[in-house]
Amino acid sequence: MKEYTTIEGFGNATYEIQKSRFLTYTAHVETEAEAREFVLSIKKKHFDARHNCSAWVLGPDSSLQKSNDDGEPGGTAGNPILEAIKQQHLTNVAVVVTRYFGGIKLGAGGLIRAYNHSAAIGLDNSVKVAIRPFCRLDVTIDYGMLGTLENWIRSQDIHTLEADYTDKVILHLLIEPHDVENIQSQLTDMTSAHCQLNVNPPEYLEVKI
């Protein structure tokens, strides 16, 4: 499992050059079906536009990539949008750039720059999140140790889930896999081994950046 970066929800931006308006829409997507559905929704929204060009990147390793020029000269729209996504090292992202033609031709180079810039500012306006693998480390302790451990957790900037309070306290710490052994050792030392530790398999979790 490897860390990757994506966007949260949706984003948008507007860019105008030589009387042509470029409207950018971005979305977090997990599958090709979701990406296609998003592109179709924008095409329906802007059915009167000359072009609704798009691209998406999917997978933790960005292995699935697709672009569409939607009537623009080959390579002048979809690929520049795709490059904007790749330049920001994002995945699980779909981008649609809608163009309302203003009557002045931009030429191939102008189109490439306009679509790339439009996609880039749309992604700039989107909330970025890191998707990282974490192991949930369940720490069972007596109430007398709670204050000490809470202060230590804050000092280490460890992400946590809501604790369980019964006859004992169960803290749920989110630890990056490579650091689990070190954290277990520190907890054992701090509590003089008066704690119960349970490590869960790693899973992807979202962290805002």
N, C-alpha and C. Protein backbone atom coordinates (compact mmCIF):
# COMPACT_ATOMS: atom_id res chain seq x y z
N MET A 1 0.84 -1.18 0.00
CA MET A 1 0.00 0.00 0.00
C MET A 1 0.89 1.25 0.00
N LYS A 2 0.58 2.19 -0.88
CA LYS A 2 1.38 3.41 -0.97
C LYS A 2 0.48 4.63 -0.82
N GLU A 3 1.10 5.71 -0.37
CA GLU A 3 0.37 6.96 -0.22
C GLU A 3 0.11 7.59 -1.58
N TYR A 4 -1.04 8.24 -1.72
CA TYR A 4 -1.31 9.01 -2.94
C TYR A 4 -2.13 10.24 -2.57
N THR A 5 -2.23 11.17 -3.51
CA THR A 5 -2.94 12.43 -3.27
C THR A 5 -4.10 12.55 -4.25
N THR A 6 -5.22 13.02 -3.74
CA THR A 6 -6.41 13.22 -4.57
C THR A 6 -7.08 14.52 -4.14
N ILE A 7 -8.31 14.75 -4.62
CA ILE A 7 -9.06 15.93 -4.18
C ILE A 7 -10.30 15.46 -3.43
N GLU A 8 -10.87 16.36 -2.68
CA GLU A 8 -12.07 16.07 -1.90
C GLU A 8 -13.27 16.72 -2.57
N GLY A 9 -14.29 15.94 -2.88
CA GLY A 9 -15.51 16.49 -3.45
C GLY A 9 -15.33 17.07 -4.83
N PHE A 10 -15.76 18.33 -4.98
CA PHE A 10 -15.77 18.97 -6.29
C PHE A 10 -15.08 20.33 -6.22
N GLY A 11 -14.65 20.82 -7.41
CA GLY A 11 -14.07 22.14 -7.51
C GLY A 11 -14.43 22.75 -8.86
N ASN A 12 -14.17 24.04 -9.02
CA ASN A 12 -14.45 24.68 -10.30
C ASN A 12 -13.63 25.96 -10.45
N ALA A 13 -13.56 26.44 -11.68
CA ALA A 13 -12.85 27.67 -11.98
C ALA A 13 -13.30 28.19 -13.34
N THR A 14 -13.07 29.47 -13.58
CA THR A 14 -13.41 30.09 -14.86
C THR A 14 -12.19 30.83 -15.39
N TYR A 15 -11.96 30.69 -16.68
CA TYR A 15 -10.81 31.34 -17.33
C TYR A 15 -11.29 31.86 -18.68
N GLU A 16 -10.89 33.09 -19.01
CA GLU A 16 -11.31 33.68 -20.28
C GLU A 16 -10.08 34.21 -21.04
N ILE A 17 -10.03 33.88 -22.34
CA ILE A 17 -8.96 34.37 -23.19
C ILE A 17 -9.50 34.53 -24.61
N GLN A 18 -9.18 35.66 -25.24
CA GLN A 18 -9.62 35.95 -26.61
C GLN A 18 -11.12 35.70 -26.80
N LYS A 19 -11.89 36.12 -25.79
CA LYS A 19 -13.36 36.03 -25.80
C LYS A 19 -13.90 34.61 -25.66
N SER A 20 -13.03 33.61 -25.58
CA SER A 20 -13.47 32.25 -25.29
C SER A 20 -13.49 32.05 -23.78
N ARG A 21 -14.57 31.44 -23.28
CA ARG A 21 -14.68 31.16 -21.84
C ARG A 21 -14.44 29.67 -21.61
N PHE A 22 -13.59 29.39 -20.64
CA PHE A 22 -13.28 28.01 -20.25
C PHE A 22 -13.79 27.80 -18.82
N LEU A 23 -14.71 26.88 -18.66
CA LEU A 23 -15.28 26.57 -17.34
C LEU A 23 -14.76 25.20 -16.92
N THR A 24 -14.06 25.16 -15.80
CA THR A 24 -13.45 23.92 -15.34
C THR A 24 -14.24 23.33 -14.17
N TYR A 25 -14.43 22.02 -14.23
CA TYR A 25 -15.10 21.28 -13.16
C TYR A 25 -14.23 20.09 -12.78
N THR A 26 -14.00 19.92 -11.49
CA THR A 26 -13.19 18.81 -11.00
C THR A 26 -14.02 17.97 -10.03
N ALA A 27 -13.68 16.69 -9.95
CA ALA A 27 -14.40 15.80 -9.04
C ALA A 27 -13.50 14.67 -8.56
N HIS A 28 -13.72 14.27 -7.31
CA HIS A 28 -13.09 13.05 -6.82
C HIS A 28 -13.92 11.86 -7.33
N VAL A 29 -13.25 10.91 -7.97
CA VAL A 29 -13.91 9.71 -8.47
C VAL A 29 -13.07 8.49 -8.10
N GLU A 30 -13.74 7.35 -7.94
CA GLU A 30 -13.05 6.13 -7.56
C GLU A 30 -13.01 5.10 -8.69
N THR A 31 -13.93 5.23 -9.66
CA THR A 31 -14.03 4.23 -10.73
C THR A 31 -14.24 4.91 -12.07
N GLU A 32 -14.04 4.15 -13.15
CA GLU A 32 -14.31 4.67 -14.48
C GLU A 32 -15.78 5.03 -14.63
N ALA A 33 -16.65 4.24 -14.04
CA ALA A 33 -18.08 4.52 -14.12
C ALA A 33 -18.41 5.87 -13.50
N GLU A 34 -17.80 6.16 -12.34
CA GLU A 34 -18.03 7.45 -11.69
C GLU A 34 -17.47 8.58 -12.54
N ALA A 35 -16.31 8.36 -13.15
CA ALA A 35 -15.70 9.39 -14.00
C ALA A 35 -16.59 9.68 -15.20
N ARG A 36 -17.06 8.64 -15.86
CA ARG A 36 -17.93 8.83 -17.03
C ARG A 36 -19.23 9.55 -16.64
N GLU A 37 -19.78 9.16 -15.50
CA GLU A 37 -21.02 9.79 -15.03
C GLU A 37 -20.81 11.28 -14.78
N PHE A 38 -19.66 11.63 -14.20
CA PHE A 38 -19.36 13.04 -13.94
C PHE A 38 -19.22 13.81 -15.24
N VAL A 39 -18.47 13.26 -16.20
CA VAL A 39 -18.30 13.93 -17.49
C VAL A 39 -19.65 14.12 -18.17
N LEU A 40 -20.49 13.10 -18.15
CA LEU A 40 -21.81 13.19 -18.77
C LEU A 40 -22.67 14.26 -18.11
N SER A 41 -22.55 14.37 -16.78
CA SER A 41 -23.36 15.38 -16.07
C SER A 41 -22.97 16.79 -16.49
N ILE A 42 -21.68 17.02 -16.74
CA ILE A 42 -21.24 18.35 -17.17
C ILE A 42 -21.67 18.60 -18.62
N LYS A 43 -21.61 17.57 -19.44
CA LYS A 43 -22.07 17.71 -20.82
C LYS A 43 -23.56 18.06 -20.87
N LYS A 44 -24.33 17.47 -19.99
CA LYS A 44 -25.76 17.79 -19.93
C LYS A 44 -25.97 19.21 -19.43
N LYS A 45 -25.17 19.60 -18.45
CA LYS A 45 -25.28 20.94 -17.88
C LYS A 45 -24.96 22.01 -18.92
N HIS A 46 -23.94 21.72 -19.75
CA HIS A 46 -23.50 22.68 -20.76
C HIS A 46 -23.70 22.09 -22.17
N PHE A 47 -24.93 21.66 -22.42
CA PHE A 47 -25.25 21.04 -23.71
C PHE A 47 -25.08 22.01 -24.88
N ASP A 48 -25.12 23.32 -24.56
CA ASP A 48 -25.03 24.33 -25.61
C ASP A 48 -23.59 24.75 -25.90
N ALA A 49 -22.63 24.18 -25.19
CA ALA A 49 -21.22 24.54 -25.41
C ALA A 49 -20.67 23.79 -26.60
N ARG A 50 -19.69 24.38 -27.24
CA ARG A 50 -19.09 23.73 -28.41
C ARG A 50 -18.27 22.51 -28.01
N HIS A 51 -17.59 22.59 -26.87
CA HIS A 51 -16.72 21.49 -26.44
C HIS A 51 -16.80 21.29 -24.93
N ASN A 52 -16.86 20.01 -24.52
CA ASN A 52 -16.74 19.63 -23.12
C ASN A 52 -15.61 18.58 -23.06
N CYS A 53 -14.40 19.06 -22.93
CA CYS A 53 -13.23 18.18 -23.00
C CYS A 53 -12.90 17.65 -21.60
N SER A 54 -12.29 16.47 -21.55
CA SER A 54 -12.14 15.84 -20.24
C SER A 54 -10.91 14.95 -20.15
N ALA A 55 -10.59 14.62 -18.91
CA ALA A 55 -9.52 13.64 -18.62
C ALA A 55 -9.73 13.15 -17.21
N TRP A 56 -9.23 11.94 -16.98
CA TRP A 56 -9.23 11.44 -15.59
C TRP A 56 -8.05 10.52 -15.38
N VAL A 57 -7.67 10.41 -14.08
CA VAL A 57 -6.61 9.51 -13.64
C VAL A 57 -7.15 8.72 -12.46
N LEU A 58 -6.94 7.39 -12.48
CA LEU A 58 -7.48 6.53 -11.44
C LEU A 58 -6.43 5.55 -10.92
N GLY A 59 -6.63 5.12 -9.68
CA GLY A 59 -5.78 4.11 -9.07
C GLY A 59 -4.69 4.69 -8.19
N PRO A 60 -4.33 4.01 -7.09
CA PRO A 60 -3.26 4.49 -6.22
C PRO A 60 -1.95 4.70 -6.95
N ASP A 61 -1.72 3.94 -8.03
CA ASP A 61 -0.49 4.09 -8.81
C ASP A 61 -0.72 4.89 -10.10
N SER A 62 -1.90 5.55 -10.21
CA SER A 62 -2.24 6.38 -11.37
C SER A 62 -2.16 5.60 -12.69
N SER A 63 -2.46 4.31 -12.63
CA SER A 63 -2.25 3.45 -13.79
C SER A 63 -3.33 3.59 -14.86
N LEU A 64 -4.50 4.10 -14.50
CA LEU A 64 -5.59 4.22 -15.47
C LEU A 64 -5.78 5.70 -15.83
N GLN A 65 -5.50 6.04 -17.08
CA GLN A 65 -5.58 7.42 -17.53
C GLN A 65 -6.34 7.49 -18.86
N LYS A 66 -7.18 8.51 -18.97
CA LYS A 66 -7.97 8.66 -20.19
C LYS A 66 -8.23 10.14 -20.45
N SER A 67 -8.27 10.52 -21.72
CA SER A 67 -8.57 11.90 -22.09
C SER A 67 -9.43 11.93 -23.34
N ASN A 68 -10.15 13.03 -23.51
CA ASN A 68 -11.06 13.17 -24.65
C ASN A 68 -11.05 14.62 -25.12
N ASP A 69 -10.77 14.82 -26.43
CA ASP A 69 -10.72 16.17 -26.99
C ASP A 69 -12.10 16.73 -27.33
N ASP A 70 -13.11 15.89 -27.41
CA ASP A 70 -14.50 16.30 -27.67
C ASP A 70 -14.61 17.31 -28.82
N GLY A 71 -13.98 16.98 -29.92
CA GLY A 71 -14.13 17.82 -31.11
C GLY A 71 -13.05 18.84 -31.34
N GLU A 72 -12.23 19.11 -30.33
CA GLU A 72 -11.10 20.01 -30.54
C GLU A 72 -10.03 19.25 -31.36
N PRO A 73 -9.13 19.97 -32.04
CA PRO A 73 -8.07 19.30 -32.78
C PRO A 73 -7.31 18.30 -31.90
N GLY A 74 -6.97 17.16 -32.47
CA GLY A 74 -6.33 16.09 -31.69
C GLY A 74 -5.15 16.54 -30.86
N GLY A 75 -5.18 16.21 -29.57
CA GLY A 75 -4.07 16.51 -28.68
C GLY A 75 -4.05 17.91 -28.11
N THR A 76 -5.06 18.74 -28.43
CA THR A 76 -5.03 20.13 -27.96
C THR A 76 -5.86 20.38 -26.71
N ALA A 77 -6.64 19.38 -26.26
CA ALA A 77 -7.54 19.62 -25.14
C ALA A 77 -7.44 18.53 -24.07
N GLY A 78 -7.84 17.31 -24.43
CA GLY A 78 -7.84 16.24 -23.43
C GLY A 78 -6.48 15.97 -22.83
N ASN A 79 -5.46 15.89 -23.67
CA ASN A 79 -4.13 15.60 -23.15
C ASN A 79 -3.57 16.73 -22.28
N PRO A 80 -3.74 18.01 -22.65
CA PRO A 80 -3.30 19.08 -21.73
C PRO A 80 -4.02 19.04 -20.39
N ILE A 81 -5.30 18.65 -20.39
CA ILE A 81 -6.03 18.50 -19.12
C ILE A 81 -5.41 17.36 -18.32
N LEU A 82 -5.14 16.24 -18.99
CA LEU A 82 -4.52 15.09 -18.33
C LEU A 82 -3.16 15.48 -17.74
N GLU A 83 -2.39 16.25 -18.50
CA GLU A 83 -1.07 16.67 -18.03
C GLU A 83 -1.18 17.54 -16.78
N ALA A 84 -2.23 18.36 -16.70
CA ALA A 84 -2.42 19.21 -15.52
C ALA A 84 -2.65 18.35 -14.28
N ILE A 85 -3.41 17.26 -14.43
CA ILE A 85 -3.64 16.35 -13.31
C ILE A 85 -2.32 15.70 -12.90
N LYS A 86 -1.57 15.23 -13.89
CA LYS A 86 -0.30 14.55 -13.61
C LYS A 86 0.73 15.51 -13.02
N GLN A 87 0.73 16.76 -13.48
CA GLN A 87 1.69 17.75 -12.97
C GLN A 87 1.48 18.01 -11.48
N GLN A 88 0.24 17.85 -11.00
CA GLN A 88 -0.03 18.05 -9.58
C GLN A 88 0.00 16.73 -8.80
N HIS A 89 0.42 15.66 -9.49
CA HIS A 89 0.60 14.34 -8.86
C HIS A 89 -0.68 13.87 -8.16
N LEU A 90 -1.79 13.98 -8.88
CA LEU A 90 -3.08 13.60 -8.34
C LEU A 90 -3.61 12.34 -9.01
N THR A 91 -4.45 11.61 -8.30
CA THR A 91 -5.15 10.48 -8.88
C THR A 91 -6.56 10.41 -8.31
N ASN A 92 -7.36 9.51 -8.87
CA ASN A 92 -8.79 9.42 -8.53
C ASN A 92 -9.45 10.79 -8.70
N VAL A 93 -9.14 11.39 -9.85
CA VAL A 93 -9.61 12.74 -10.18
C VAL A 93 -10.13 12.75 -11.62
N ALA A 94 -11.27 13.41 -11.83
CA ALA A 94 -11.79 13.67 -13.18
C ALA A 94 -11.92 15.18 -13.35
N VAL A 95 -11.57 15.65 -14.56
CA VAL A 95 -11.65 17.08 -14.86
C VAL A 95 -12.35 17.26 -16.20
N VAL A 96 -13.31 18.18 -16.23
CA VAL A 96 -13.97 18.57 -17.47
C VAL A 96 -13.76 20.06 -17.67
N VAL A 97 -13.31 20.44 -18.86
CA VAL A 97 -13.18 21.85 -19.21
C VAL A 97 -14.15 22.14 -20.36
N THR A 98 -15.14 22.98 -20.07
CA THR A 98 -16.15 23.37 -21.06
C THR A 98 -15.71 24.66 -21.74
N ARG A 99 -15.78 24.69 -23.06
CA ARG A 99 -15.35 25.88 -23.79
C ARG A 99 -16.53 26.48 -24.55
N TYR A 100 -16.73 27.77 -24.29
CA TYR A 100 -17.67 28.56 -25.09
C TYR A 100 -16.85 29.42 -26.03
N PHE A 101 -16.90 29.10 -27.31
CA PHE A 101 -16.07 29.76 -28.32
C PHE A 101 -16.45 31.23 -28.46
N GLY A 102 -15.43 32.10 -28.49
CA GLY A 102 -15.68 33.53 -28.56
C GLY A 102 -15.51 34.14 -29.93
N GLY A 103 -15.24 33.29 -30.93
CA GLY A 103 -15.13 33.80 -32.29
C GLY A 103 -13.72 34.05 -32.76
N ILE A 104 -12.76 33.97 -31.85
CA ILE A 104 -11.34 34.17 -32.21
C ILE A 104 -10.61 32.84 -32.02
N LYS A 105 -10.02 32.34 -33.09
CA LYS A 105 -9.29 31.08 -33.02
C LYS A 105 -7.99 31.25 -32.24
N LEU A 106 -7.69 30.27 -31.40
CA LEU A 106 -6.50 30.34 -30.56
C LEU A 106 -5.31 29.63 -31.17
N GLY A 107 -5.54 28.79 -32.17
CA GLY A 107 -4.45 28.00 -32.72
C GLY A 107 -4.13 26.83 -31.81
N ALA A 108 -3.41 25.84 -32.34
CA ALA A 108 -3.13 24.63 -31.57
C ALA A 108 -2.38 24.94 -30.27
N GLY A 109 -1.32 25.75 -30.37
CA GLY A 109 -0.55 26.09 -29.18
C GLY A 109 -1.38 26.83 -28.14
N GLY A 110 -2.22 27.74 -28.62
CA GLY A 110 -3.08 28.50 -27.72
C GLY A 110 -4.08 27.62 -27.01
N LEU A 111 -4.64 26.66 -27.74
CA LEU A 111 -5.60 25.73 -27.14
C LEU A 111 -4.93 24.87 -26.07
N ILE A 112 -3.76 24.36 -26.38
CA ILE A 112 -3.04 23.53 -25.42
C ILE A 112 -2.79 24.29 -24.13
N ARG A 113 -2.31 25.53 -24.25
CA ARG A 113 -2.04 26.34 -23.05
C ARG A 113 -3.33 26.66 -22.30
N ALA A 114 -4.39 26.98 -23.03
CA ALA A 114 -5.65 27.37 -22.39
C ALA A 114 -6.27 26.20 -21.63
N TYR A 115 -6.29 25.03 -22.24
CA TYR A 115 -6.89 23.87 -21.56
C TYR A 115 -6.05 23.42 -20.38
N ASN A 116 -4.73 23.46 -20.54
CA ASN A 116 -3.86 23.08 -19.43
C ASN A 116 -4.01 24.05 -18.27
N HIS A 117 -4.03 25.35 -18.57
CA HIS A 117 -4.16 26.37 -17.53
C HIS A 117 -5.52 26.28 -16.84
N SER A 118 -6.56 26.07 -17.64
CA SER A 118 -7.91 25.98 -17.07
C SER A 118 -8.01 24.81 -16.11
N ALA A 119 -7.48 23.65 -16.53
CA ALA A 119 -7.51 22.49 -15.64
C ALA A 119 -6.69 22.74 -14.38
N ALA A 120 -5.54 23.38 -14.54
CA ALA A 120 -4.65 23.63 -13.40
C ALA A 120 -5.31 24.52 -12.36
N ILE A 121 -5.98 25.59 -12.81
CA ILE A 121 -6.60 26.49 -11.81
C ILE A 121 -7.82 25.83 -11.18
N GLY A 122 -8.50 24.96 -11.94
CA GLY A 122 -9.59 24.21 -11.33
C GLY A 122 -9.10 23.29 -10.24
N LEU A 123 -7.97 22.64 -10.47
CA LEU A 123 -7.39 21.76 -9.46
C LEU A 123 -6.81 22.56 -8.29
N ASP A 124 -6.29 23.75 -8.60
CA ASP A 124 -5.80 24.63 -7.52
C ASP A 124 -6.94 25.03 -6.58
N ASN A 125 -8.15 25.14 -7.13
CA ASN A 125 -9.31 25.53 -6.33
C ASN A 125 -9.96 24.34 -5.62
N SER A 126 -9.40 23.16 -5.79
CA SER A 126 -9.95 21.96 -5.17
C SER A 126 -9.18 21.62 -3.89
N VAL A 127 -9.88 21.08 -2.92
CA VAL A 127 -9.25 20.70 -1.65
C VAL A 127 -8.46 19.41 -1.84
N LYS A 128 -7.16 19.46 -1.55
CA LYS A 128 -6.30 18.29 -1.71
C LYS A 128 -6.28 17.47 -0.42
N VAL A 129 -6.27 16.15 -0.59
CA VAL A 129 -6.17 15.26 0.56
C VAL A 129 -5.16 14.16 0.25
N ALA A 130 -4.41 13.77 1.26
CA ALA A 130 -3.50 12.64 1.14
C ALA A 130 -4.23 11.38 1.61
N ILE A 131 -4.12 10.32 0.83
CA ILE A 131 -4.69 9.04 1.22
C ILE A 131 -3.52 8.15 1.62
N ARG A 132 -3.46 7.86 2.91
CA ARG A 132 -2.30 7.15 3.44
C ARG A 132 -2.72 5.84 4.11
N PRO A 133 -1.86 4.84 4.07
CA PRO A 133 -2.15 3.61 4.82
C PRO A 133 -1.83 3.82 6.30
N PHE A 134 -2.80 3.48 7.15
CA PHE A 134 -2.61 3.55 8.59
C PHE A 134 -3.02 2.23 9.21
N CYS A 135 -2.33 1.87 10.29
CA CYS A 135 -2.76 0.76 11.13
C CYS A 135 -3.45 1.35 12.36
N ARG A 136 -4.62 0.82 12.70
CA ARG A 136 -5.26 1.27 13.94
C ARG A 136 -4.67 0.47 15.09
N LEU A 137 -4.05 1.21 16.00
CA LEU A 137 -3.45 0.60 17.18
C LEU A 137 -4.36 0.85 18.37
N ASP A 138 -4.98 -0.20 18.89
CA ASP A 138 -5.88 -0.08 20.04
C ASP A 138 -5.06 -0.23 21.31
N VAL A 139 -5.16 0.77 22.17
CA VAL A 139 -4.36 0.80 23.41
C VAL A 139 -5.32 0.80 24.60
N THR A 140 -5.32 -0.26 25.37
CA THR A 140 -6.18 -0.38 26.55
C THR A 140 -5.37 -0.06 27.79
N ILE A 141 -5.85 0.94 28.57
CA ILE A 141 -5.11 1.39 29.75
C ILE A 141 -6.08 1.68 30.89
N ASP A 142 -5.52 1.83 32.10
CA ASP A 142 -6.30 2.29 33.25
C ASP A 142 -6.50 3.80 33.15
N TYR A 143 -7.54 4.31 33.80
CA TYR A 143 -7.84 5.75 33.74
C TYR A 143 -6.70 6.60 34.29
N GLY A 144 -5.95 6.06 35.23
CA GLY A 144 -4.86 6.83 35.82
C GLY A 144 -3.77 7.20 34.84
N MET A 145 -3.67 6.47 33.72
CA MET A 145 -2.63 6.74 32.71
C MET A 145 -3.13 7.65 31.59
N LEU A 146 -4.42 7.97 31.62
CA LEU A 146 -5.01 8.66 30.47
C LEU A 146 -4.37 10.02 30.20
N GLY A 147 -4.21 10.83 31.22
CA GLY A 147 -3.66 12.18 31.02
C GLY A 147 -2.28 12.14 30.41
N THR A 148 -1.43 11.26 30.92
CA THR A 148 -0.06 11.15 30.41
C THR A 148 -0.05 10.77 28.93
N LEU A 149 -0.87 9.78 28.60
CA LEU A 149 -0.90 9.31 27.21
C LEU A 149 -1.51 10.35 26.28
N GLU A 150 -2.53 11.06 26.75
CA GLU A 150 -3.14 12.10 25.91
C GLU A 150 -2.12 13.19 25.58
N ASN A 151 -1.34 13.60 26.59
CA ASN A 151 -0.31 14.62 26.36
C ASN A 151 0.74 14.11 25.37
N TRP A 152 1.12 12.86 25.52
CA TRP A 152 2.12 12.27 24.62
C TRP A 152 1.58 12.19 23.19
N ILE A 153 0.33 11.80 23.04
CA ILE A 153 -0.29 11.70 21.71
C ILE A 153 -0.29 13.06 21.02
N ARG A 154 -0.63 14.12 21.77
CA ARG A 154 -0.61 15.48 21.21
C ARG A 154 0.80 15.88 20.81
N SER A 155 1.76 15.57 21.65
CA SER A 155 3.15 15.96 21.37
C SER A 155 3.71 15.25 20.14
N GLN A 156 3.20 14.04 19.87
CA GLN A 156 3.67 13.26 18.72
C GLN A 156 2.84 13.53 17.47
N ASP A 157 1.78 14.34 17.62
CA ASP A 157 0.90 14.67 16.49
C ASP A 157 0.32 13.41 15.85
N ILE A 158 -0.14 12.50 16.68
CA ILE A 158 -0.71 11.23 16.22
C ILE A 158 -2.20 11.40 15.97
N HIS A 159 -2.65 10.91 14.83
CA HIS A 159 -4.08 10.93 14.53
C HIS A 159 -4.79 9.86 15.36
N THR A 160 -6.00 10.20 15.83
CA THR A 160 -6.74 9.27 16.66
C THR A 160 -8.20 9.19 16.23
N LEU A 161 -8.86 8.10 16.64
CA LEU A 161 -10.31 7.99 16.54
C LEU A 161 -10.88 8.17 17.94
N GLU A 162 -12.19 8.26 18.04
CA GLU A 162 -12.83 8.48 19.35
C GLU A 162 -12.54 7.30 20.28
N ALA A 163 -12.17 7.61 21.50
CA ALA A 163 -11.84 6.58 22.47
C ALA A 163 -13.09 5.91 23.03
N ASP A 164 -12.91 4.71 23.57
CA ASP A 164 -13.99 3.99 24.26
C ASP A 164 -13.72 4.06 25.75
N TYR A 165 -14.77 4.41 26.52
CA TYR A 165 -14.62 4.54 27.96
C TYR A 165 -15.55 3.52 28.64
N THR A 166 -14.95 2.49 29.21
CA THR A 166 -15.71 1.49 29.96
C THR A 166 -15.05 1.36 31.34
N ASP A 167 -14.81 0.15 31.79
CA ASP A 167 -14.07 0.01 33.05
C ASP A 167 -12.61 0.41 32.86
N LYS A 168 -12.17 0.36 31.59
CA LYS A 168 -10.85 0.86 31.22
C LYS A 168 -11.03 1.82 30.03
N VAL A 169 -9.94 2.43 29.59
CA VAL A 169 -9.97 3.32 28.43
C VAL A 169 -9.31 2.61 27.26
N ILE A 170 -9.98 2.65 26.12
CA ILE A 170 -9.36 2.09 24.91
C ILE A 170 -9.14 3.24 23.93
N LEU A 171 -7.87 3.58 23.71
CA LEU A 171 -7.50 4.62 22.75
C LEU A 171 -7.25 3.98 21.39
N HIS A 172 -7.68 4.66 20.35
CA HIS A 172 -7.50 4.14 18.99
C HIS A 172 -6.57 5.10 18.23
N LEU A 173 -5.33 4.68 18.07
CA LEU A 173 -4.33 5.50 17.42
C LEU A 173 -4.16 5.06 15.97
N LEU A 174 -3.97 6.02 15.08
CA LEU A 174 -3.74 5.72 13.67
C LEU A 174 -2.26 5.92 13.37
N ILE A 175 -1.58 4.82 13.10
CA ILE A 175 -0.12 4.83 12.98
C ILE A 175 0.27 4.36 11.58
N GLU A 176 1.22 5.07 10.97
CA GLU A 176 1.73 4.62 9.68
C GLU A 176 2.45 3.28 9.90
N PRO A 177 2.26 2.33 8.97
CA PRO A 177 2.77 0.96 9.18
C PRO A 177 4.24 0.89 9.58
N HIS A 178 5.08 1.72 8.97
CA HIS A 178 6.52 1.65 9.26
C HIS A 178 6.85 2.09 10.68
N ASP A 179 5.91 2.76 11.37
CA ASP A 179 6.20 3.31 12.69
C ASP A 179 5.51 2.54 13.81
N VAL A 180 4.78 1.49 13.47
CA VAL A 180 4.00 0.76 14.48
C VAL A 180 4.90 0.17 15.57
N GLU A 181 5.97 -0.48 15.18
CA GLU A 181 6.84 -1.13 16.16
C GLU A 181 7.44 -0.11 17.12
N ASN A 182 7.86 1.04 16.61
CA ASN A 182 8.44 2.08 17.44
C ASN A 182 7.40 2.62 18.44
N ILE A 183 6.17 2.87 17.96
CA ILE A 183 5.12 3.40 18.84
C ILE A 183 4.76 2.38 19.91
N GLN A 184 4.68 1.12 19.54
CA GLN A 184 4.40 0.08 20.53
C GLN A 184 5.46 0.06 21.63
N SER A 185 6.70 0.19 21.22
CA SER A 185 7.80 0.18 22.19
C SER A 185 7.70 1.37 23.14
N GLN A 186 7.38 2.55 22.60
CA GLN A 186 7.26 3.74 23.45
C GLN A 186 6.10 3.60 24.43
N LEU A 187 4.99 3.07 23.96
CA LEU A 187 3.83 2.90 24.83
C LEU A 187 4.13 1.90 25.95
N THR A 188 4.83 0.84 25.61
CA THR A 188 5.18 -0.17 26.61
C THR A 188 6.09 0.44 27.68
N ASP A 189 7.05 1.27 27.25
CA ASP A 189 7.95 1.91 28.20
C ASP A 189 7.21 2.91 29.08
N MET A 190 6.34 3.73 28.48
CA MET A 190 5.64 4.77 29.23
C MET A 190 4.70 4.20 30.29
N THR A 191 4.11 3.06 29.98
CA THR A 191 3.14 2.47 30.91
C THR A 191 3.74 1.35 31.74
N SER A 192 5.05 1.20 31.63
CA SER A 192 5.73 0.09 32.32
C SER A 192 5.05 -1.25 31.99
N ALA A 193 4.66 -1.37 30.75
CA ALA A 193 4.02 -2.59 30.21
C ALA A 193 2.61 -2.82 30.77
N HIS A 194 2.05 -1.79 31.42
CA HIS A 194 0.68 -1.92 31.92
C HIS A 194 -0.32 -1.41 30.88
N CYS A 195 -0.25 -1.97 29.71
CA CYS A 195 -1.21 -1.63 28.66
C CYS A 195 -1.37 -2.84 27.74
N GLN A 196 -2.53 -2.88 27.12
CA GLN A 196 -2.79 -3.95 26.15
C GLN A 196 -2.80 -3.33 24.76
N LEU A 197 -2.00 -3.89 23.87
CA LEU A 197 -1.86 -3.33 22.53
C LEU A 197 -2.39 -4.32 21.49
N ASN A 198 -3.18 -3.80 20.57
CA ASN A 198 -3.70 -4.63 19.49
C ASN A 198 -3.56 -3.87 18.17
N VAL A 199 -2.84 -4.46 17.22
CA VAL A 199 -2.58 -3.81 15.93
C VAL A 199 -3.51 -4.41 14.87
N ASN A 200 -4.22 -3.52 14.16
CA ASN A 200 -5.10 -3.94 13.08
C ASN A 200 -4.40 -3.79 11.73
N PRO A 201 -4.83 -4.56 10.73
CA PRO A 201 -4.20 -4.48 9.40
C PRO A 201 -4.32 -3.07 8.83
N PRO A 202 -3.37 -2.64 7.98
CA PRO A 202 -3.40 -1.30 7.43
C PRO A 202 -4.61 -1.08 6.51
N GLU A 203 -5.12 0.14 6.52
CA GLU A 203 -6.20 0.54 5.62
C GLU A 203 -5.98 1.98 5.21
N TYR A 204 -6.54 2.34 4.04
CA TYR A 204 -6.38 3.71 3.55
C TYR A 204 -7.28 4.66 4.32
N LEU A 205 -6.71 5.80 4.73
CA LEU A 205 -7.47 6.85 5.41
C LEU A 205 -7.08 8.20 4.82
N GLU A 206 -8.02 9.13 4.92
CA GLU A 206 -7.85 10.45 4.31
C GLU A 206 -7.28 11.45 5.31
N VAL A 207 -6.28 12.19 4.86
CA VAL A 207 -5.67 13.24 5.68
C VAL A 207 -5.59 14.52 4.85
N LYS A 208 -6.21 15.60 5.33
CA LYS A 208 -6.18 16.86 4.58
C LYS A 208 -4.78 17.44 4.60
N ILE A 209 -4.39 18.05 3.46
CA ILE A 209 -3.05 18.64 3.37
C ILE A 209 -3.14 20.09 2.95
